[in-house]
Amino acid sequence: MRWLGVAALVACVVVAGAGVRAPDGRPGAVTSRVAIYSQVSAGAFHSCALTTDGTGVCWGYNKYRETRVPAGRYLAMSAGSFHSCALTTDGRAICWGNDHQGQTRVPAGRYTQIAAADRYTCALRTSGTGVCWGADRYGVTRVPNGRYRQISADDHVACALTRAGKAVCWGDSYNNETRVPAGRYTQISAGSTFVCALTGGGRAVCWGDEGYGETKVPPGRYAQISAGFAHTCALRVDGSGACWGDNTWGQRDVPPGRYTQISAGFDHSCALRPNGTAVCWGSNGTRVPE
């Protein structure tokens, strides 16, 4: 679900969900009017975004100060359940917010990607090795040996892509989340209890829990995919958005238009328009900062 790094500024995923409410208080889509963003990440009950000058911005639930971004310039942002993480311009990773399970205590080193999950965090070192820290439920912090080009993490499962495009997943397999279908992939996104990936031809493949239809991919070719808590969102090759799965809060109802990035959260979703404005839809959050 959540994997964010330097490459993710072009095609990124993200992360479970903080949503938005329309000005009248009802669930609905809210668009930023002024701020121009290069990346957005939907977390459990908050969201984060990166402005074009490298400033980090987070909004929504703030009990653990997960929306209070430390001063600095960043290359990527990732919103988790109750904590947030970012990569600095010199490759350092920093995290803030809830630290009850050590999810914000970043190991020393330099990183190219970071993924804030539920109670843990994963990242890719500059060497391509993966590392995860925090709560180790289901073995989610035990990264298999190898060199990777992408990493993604969520509640029950974490995944990575090798440099050859092979997908590897670890953690809970109650819903067969770690049983990756054979093939080579260009992107992978771990959801709460399911996983989605894209093939080189733009075909989307999802596996694991399908209680809400989150693994039932609509026909079409896709350029980016993001697995959320119980729904999935993706960008078609023409830039239009599509979401499937749970729609209790309208998190599946993508506003019309073209987008450059999409992120599925817990009960909301967010996306970036070509002009850099952000739009979020669903429930349980606040307005996108203007």
Protein backbone atom coordinates (compact mmCIF):
# COMPACT_ATOMS: atom_id res chain seq x y z
CA MET A 1 0.00 0.00 0.00
CA ARG A 2 2.57 2.48 1.08
CA TRP A 3 5.88 2.75 -0.72
CA LEU A 4 7.37 6.11 -1.34
CA GLY A 5 10.76 7.06 -2.63
CA VAL A 6 12.58 9.04 -5.25
CA ALA A 7 11.09 6.97 -8.07
CA ALA A 8 7.68 7.28 -6.46
CA LEU A 9 7.48 10.94 -7.41
CA VAL A 10 6.59 9.69 -10.88
CA ALA A 11 4.51 6.64 -9.94
CA CYS A 12 3.78 6.09 -6.28
CA VAL A 13 1.58 4.25 -3.98
CA VAL A 14 0.68 4.58 -1.09
CA VAL A 15 -0.38 3.65 2.01
CA ALA A 16 -4.68 3.09 4.97
CA GLY A 17 -6.73 6.19 5.04
CA ALA A 18 -7.54 9.65 6.18
CA GLY A 19 -10.31 11.06 4.13
CA VAL A 20 -12.08 14.31 3.58
CA ARG A 21 -15.41 15.99 4.05
CA ALA A 22 -17.09 18.50 1.81
CA PRO A 23 -17.65 22.03 3.16
CA ASP A 24 -21.16 21.08 4.32
CA GLY A 25 -19.76 18.23 6.42
CA ARG A 26 -20.84 15.37 4.18
CA PRO A 27 -18.32 12.89 2.78
CA GLY A 28 -17.18 14.10 -0.61
CA ALA A 29 -14.31 15.23 -2.78
CA VAL A 30 -12.22 18.22 -1.74
CA THR A 31 -9.57 19.76 -3.99
CA SER A 32 -6.64 21.97 -3.01
CA ARG A 33 -7.00 25.42 -4.56
CA VAL A 34 -3.50 26.88 -4.36
CA ALA A 35 -0.87 24.44 -3.12
CA ILE A 36 0.99 22.55 -5.85
CA TYR A 37 2.11 19.04 -4.95
CA SER A 38 4.43 16.47 -6.48
CA GLN A 39 3.22 13.52 -4.37
CA VAL A 40 0.35 12.58 -2.04
CA SER A 41 0.00 9.72 0.46
CA ALA A 42 -3.24 8.64 2.14
CA GLY A 43 -2.74 7.23 5.64
CA ALA A 44 -5.17 5.68 8.12
CA PHE A 45 -6.73 8.86 9.48
CA HIS A 46 -4.41 11.48 8.06
CA SER A 47 -2.74 12.27 4.75
CA CYS A 48 0.60 13.74 3.71
CA ALA A 49 1.82 15.46 0.57
CA LEU A 50 5.02 16.91 -0.83
CA THR A 51 5.02 20.36 -2.41
CA THR A 52 7.08 21.08 -5.50
CA ASP A 53 9.69 22.91 -3.39
CA GLY A 54 10.20 19.83 -1.18
CA THR A 55 8.15 20.99 1.79
CA GLY A 56 6.15 18.31 3.58
CA VAL A 57 2.53 18.88 4.54
CA CYS A 58 0.23 16.56 6.53
CA TRP A 59 -3.38 17.01 7.65
CA GLY A 60 -6.14 15.10 9.43
CA TYR A 61 -6.06 13.15 12.70
CA ASN A 62 -3.25 14.40 14.93
CA LYS A 63 -3.48 12.65 18.31
CA TYR A 64 0.13 11.47 18.04
CA ARG A 65 1.38 14.58 16.20
CA GLU A 66 1.56 12.60 13.02
CA THR A 67 0.67 15.71 11.00
CA ARG A 68 3.43 17.90 12.50
CA VAL A 69 6.09 17.61 9.80
CA PRO A 70 9.63 18.47 10.94
CA ALA A 71 11.16 21.42 9.13
CA GLY A 72 13.26 20.52 6.11
CA ARG A 73 13.20 19.60 2.44
CA TYR A 74 12.13 16.15 1.38
CA LEU A 75 12.12 13.82 -1.61
CA ALA A 76 9.20 11.63 -0.52
CA MET A 77 6.47 11.38 2.14
CA SER A 78 4.59 8.36 3.49
CA ALA A 79 1.54 8.45 5.79
CA GLY A 80 1.01 5.36 7.97
CA SER A 81 -1.77 4.60 10.42
CA PHE A 82 -0.69 6.93 13.24
CA HIS A 83 2.80 7.95 12.16
CA SER A 84 4.42 9.54 9.14
CA CYS A 85 7.82 9.24 7.46
CA ALA A 86 9.86 11.12 4.89
CA LEU A 87 13.13 10.97 2.99
CA THR A 88 15.40 14.00 3.18
CA THR A 89 17.28 15.33 0.17
CA ASP A 90 20.47 13.62 1.40
CA GLY A 91 18.79 10.22 1.76
CA ARG A 92 18.13 10.18 5.48
CA ALA A 93 14.82 8.78 6.68
CA ILE A 94 12.90 10.45 9.49
CA CYS A 95 9.61 9.41 11.10
CA TRP A 96 7.32 11.08 13.64
CA GLY A 97 4.03 10.39 15.41
CA ASN A 98 3.04 7.28 17.35
CA ASP A 99 6.12 5.37 18.51
CA HIS A 100 4.53 2.81 20.85
CA GLN A 101 6.08 -0.05 18.87
CA GLY A 102 9.26 1.72 17.78
CA GLN A 103 7.94 2.49 14.30
CA THR A 104 9.55 5.95 14.24
CA ARG A 105 13.01 4.80 15.40
CA VAL A 106 14.80 4.77 12.07
CA PRO A 107 17.98 2.67 11.78
CA ALA A 108 21.04 4.66 10.72
CA GLY A 109 21.78 4.74 7.01
CA ARG A 110 20.80 6.25 3.69
CA TYR A 111 17.61 5.26 1.90
CA THR A 112 15.91 5.54 -1.48
CA GLN A 113 12.34 4.58 -0.49
CA ILE A 114 10.23 4.52 2.66
CA ALA A 115 6.85 3.00 3.50
CA ALA A 116 5.02 3.83 6.74
CA ALA A 117 2.60 1.02 7.60
CA ASP A 118 0.31 0.33 10.57
CA ARG A 119 2.68 -0.15 13.52
CA TYR A 120 5.89 -0.58 11.60
CA THR A 121 7.92 1.01 8.81
CA CYS A 122 9.95 -0.37 5.89
CA ALA A 123 12.59 1.23 3.72
CA LEU A 124 15.12 0.48 1.00
CA ARG A 125 18.76 1.28 1.64
CA THR A 126 20.91 2.75 -1.15
CA SER A 127 22.40 -0.75 -1.52
CA GLY A 128 18.95 -2.12 -2.42
CA THR A 129 18.54 -4.15 0.74
CA GLY A 130 15.32 -3.80 2.67
CA VAL A 131 14.89 -3.07 6.36
CA CYS A 132 11.76 -2.84 8.52
CA TRP A 133 11.35 -1.77 12.14
CA GLY A 134 8.57 -1.53 14.73
CA ALA A 135 5.93 -4.11 15.68
CA ASP A 136 6.74 -7.55 14.25
CA ARG A 137 3.25 -9.03 14.11
CA TYR A 138 3.13 -11.86 11.57
CA GLY A 139 6.86 -11.39 10.91
CA VAL A 140 6.32 -8.23 8.84
CA THR A 141 9.68 -6.72 9.82
CA ARG A 142 11.67 -9.79 8.72
CA VAL A 143 12.70 -8.76 5.22
CA PRO A 144 13.98 -11.65 3.07
CA ASN A 145 17.58 -11.32 1.92
CA GLY A 146 18.03 -9.76 -1.48
CA ARG A 147 18.37 -6.56 -3.49
CA TYR A 148 15.17 -4.72 -4.28
CA ARG A 149 13.99 -1.77 -6.34
CA GLN A 150 10.68 -1.18 -4.58
CA ILE A 151 9.18 -1.89 -1.15
CA SER A 152 5.60 -1.60 0.10
CA ALA A 153 4.07 -2.25 3.53
CA ASP A 154 0.69 -2.28 5.23
CA ASP A 155 -1.07 -3.86 8.22
CA HIS A 156 -0.56 -7.62 7.77
CA VAL A 157 1.87 -7.92 4.88
CA ALA A 158 4.90 -6.30 3.27
CA CYS A 159 6.24 -6.83 -0.26
CA ALA A 160 9.18 -5.92 -2.43
CA LEU A 161 10.21 -6.18 -6.07
CA THR A 162 13.62 -7.54 -7.01
CA ARG A 163 15.62 -5.77 -9.67
CA ALA A 164 14.48 -8.48 -12.10
CA GLY A 165 10.82 -7.77 -11.35
CA LYS A 166 10.13 -10.78 -9.14
CA ALA A 167 7.69 -10.05 -6.31
CA VAL A 168 8.40 -11.22 -2.76
CA CYS A 169 5.91 -10.87 0.11
CA TRP A 170 6.20 -11.73 3.79
CA GLY A 171 4.04 -11.52 6.92
CA ASP A 172 0.54 -12.89 7.46
CA SER A 173 -0.67 -15.41 4.88
CA TYR A 174 -4.10 -16.21 6.30
CA ASN A 175 -5.64 -14.86 3.10
CA ASN A 176 -2.77 -16.08 0.91
CA GLU A 177 -1.32 -12.57 0.76
CA THR A 178 2.24 -13.87 0.58
CA ARG A 179 1.51 -16.35 -2.23
CA VAL A 180 2.56 -14.23 -5.19
CA PRO A 181 1.23 -15.25 -8.61
CA ALA A 182 4.00 -16.20 -11.03
CA GLY A 183 5.23 -13.43 -13.29
CA ARG A 184 7.33 -10.29 -13.50
CA TYR A 185 6.03 -7.00 -12.19
CA THR A 186 6.86 -3.30 -12.51
CA GLN A 187 5.11 -2.13 -9.34
CA ILE A 188 3.68 -3.71 -6.17
CA SER A 189 1.38 -2.37 -3.47
CA ALA A 190 0.60 -4.10 -0.19
CA GLY A 191 -2.89 -3.56 1.21
CA SER A 192 -4.13 -4.50 4.66
CA THR A 193 -4.78 -8.18 3.91
CA PHE A 194 -4.25 -8.28 0.14
CA VAL A 195 -1.69 -7.24 -2.46
CA CYS A 196 -1.83 -5.75 -5.95
CA ALA A 197 0.82 -5.47 -8.66
CA LEU A 198 1.26 -4.30 -12.24
CA THR A 199 2.83 -6.29 -15.06
CA GLY A 200 5.00 -4.75 -17.74
CA GLY A 201 2.02 -4.70 -20.08
CA GLY A 202 -0.10 -2.67 -17.68
CA ARG A 203 -2.20 -5.58 -16.44
CA ALA A 204 -3.23 -5.31 -12.79
CA VAL A 205 -3.15 -8.44 -10.63
CA CYS A 206 -4.48 -8.62 -7.04
CA TRP A 207 -4.53 -11.51 -4.57
CA GLY A 208 -5.45 -12.20 -0.95
CA ASP A 209 -8.59 -11.17 0.93
CA GLU A 210 -11.50 -10.39 -1.37
CA GLY A 211 -14.26 -9.82 1.18
CA TYR A 212 -15.10 -6.43 -0.35
CA GLY A 213 -14.08 -7.20 -3.92
CA GLU A 214 -10.75 -5.42 -3.47
CA THR A 215 -8.93 -8.02 -5.59
CA LYS A 216 -11.48 -8.04 -8.45
CA VAL A 217 -9.70 -5.81 -10.96
CA PRO A 218 -11.83 -4.06 -13.61
CA PRO A 219 -10.71 -4.71 -17.21
CA GLY A 220 -8.19 -2.29 -18.64
CA ARG A 221 -4.54 -1.28 -18.69
CA TYR A 222 -3.05 0.61 -15.78
CA ALA A 223 -0.03 2.83 -15.15
CA GLN A 224 -0.07 2.88 -11.32
CA ILE A 225 -1.84 1.00 -8.53
CA SER A 226 -2.43 1.54 -4.82
CA ALA A 227 -3.89 -1.02 -2.41
CA GLY A 228 -5.68 0.45 0.61
CA PHE A 229 -7.42 -1.07 3.63
CA ALA A 230 -10.29 -2.79 1.81
CA HIS A 231 -10.30 -1.01 -1.53
CA THR A 232 -7.89 -0.49 -4.39
CA CYS A 233 -7.29 2.48 -6.66
CA ALA A 234 -5.35 2.68 -9.91
CA LEU A 235 -4.59 5.04 -12.75
CA ARG A 236 -5.47 3.87 -16.23
CA VAL A 237 -2.97 4.51 -19.00
CA ASP A 238 -5.10 7.47 -20.15
CA GLY A 239 -4.75 9.10 -16.69
CA SER A 240 -8.29 8.42 -15.49
CA GLY A 241 -8.75 6.92 -12.05
CA ALA A 242 -10.54 3.70 -11.08
CA CYS A 243 -11.21 2.26 -7.63
CA TRP A 244 -12.85 -1.01 -6.55
CA GLY A 245 -13.66 -2.80 -3.30
CA ASP A 246 -15.25 -1.30 -0.19
CA ASN A 247 -17.23 1.88 -0.80
CA THR A 248 -18.84 2.46 2.59
CA TRP A 249 -17.56 6.06 2.73
CA GLY A 250 -17.41 6.81 -0.98
CA GLN A 251 -13.70 6.04 -1.14
CA ARG A 252 -14.24 4.35 -4.50
CA ASP A 253 -15.96 7.33 -6.13
CA VAL A 254 -13.14 8.94 -8.11
CA PRO A 255 -13.99 12.47 -9.27
CA PRO A 256 -13.95 12.84 -13.07
CA GLY A 257 -10.69 13.98 -14.60
CA ARG A 258 -7.12 12.97 -15.35
CA TYR A 259 -4.50 12.29 -12.68
CA THR A 260 -0.75 11.72 -12.36
CA GLN A 261 -0.79 9.77 -9.07
CA ILE A 262 -3.37 8.03 -6.87
CA SER A 263 -3.28 6.74 -3.28
CA ALA A 264 -5.79 4.46 -1.55
CA GLY A 265 -6.12 4.87 2.21
CA PHE A 266 -8.36 3.42 4.91
CA ASP A 267 -11.75 4.92 4.09
CA HIS A 268 -10.65 7.62 1.69
CA SER A 269 -8.46 8.10 -1.37
CA CYS A 270 -6.36 10.94 -2.76
CA ALA A 271 -4.91 11.83 -6.16
CA LEU A 272 -2.90 14.50 -7.94
CA ARG A 273 -4.12 16.31 -11.03
CA PRO A 274 -1.71 17.23 -13.85
CA ASN A 275 -1.60 20.82 -12.57
CA GLY A 276 -0.31 19.60 -9.18
CA THR A 277 -3.47 20.17 -7.18
CA ALA A 278 -4.57 17.42 -4.81
CA VAL A 279 -8.06 15.99 -4.48
CA CYS A 280 -9.28 13.56 -1.80
CA TRP A 281 -12.61 11.79 -1.47
CA GLY A 282 -14.23 9.53 1.12
CA SER A 283 -14.53 10.17 4.84
CA ASN A 284 -12.86 10.72 8.20
CA GLY A 285 -10.47 13.57 7.58
CA THR A 286 -10.14 17.27 6.88
CA ARG A 287 -9.80 19.54 3.88
CA VAL A 288 -6.74 19.34 1.67
CA PRO A 289 -4.53 22.33 2.66
CA GLU A 290 -4.85 25.26 0.30
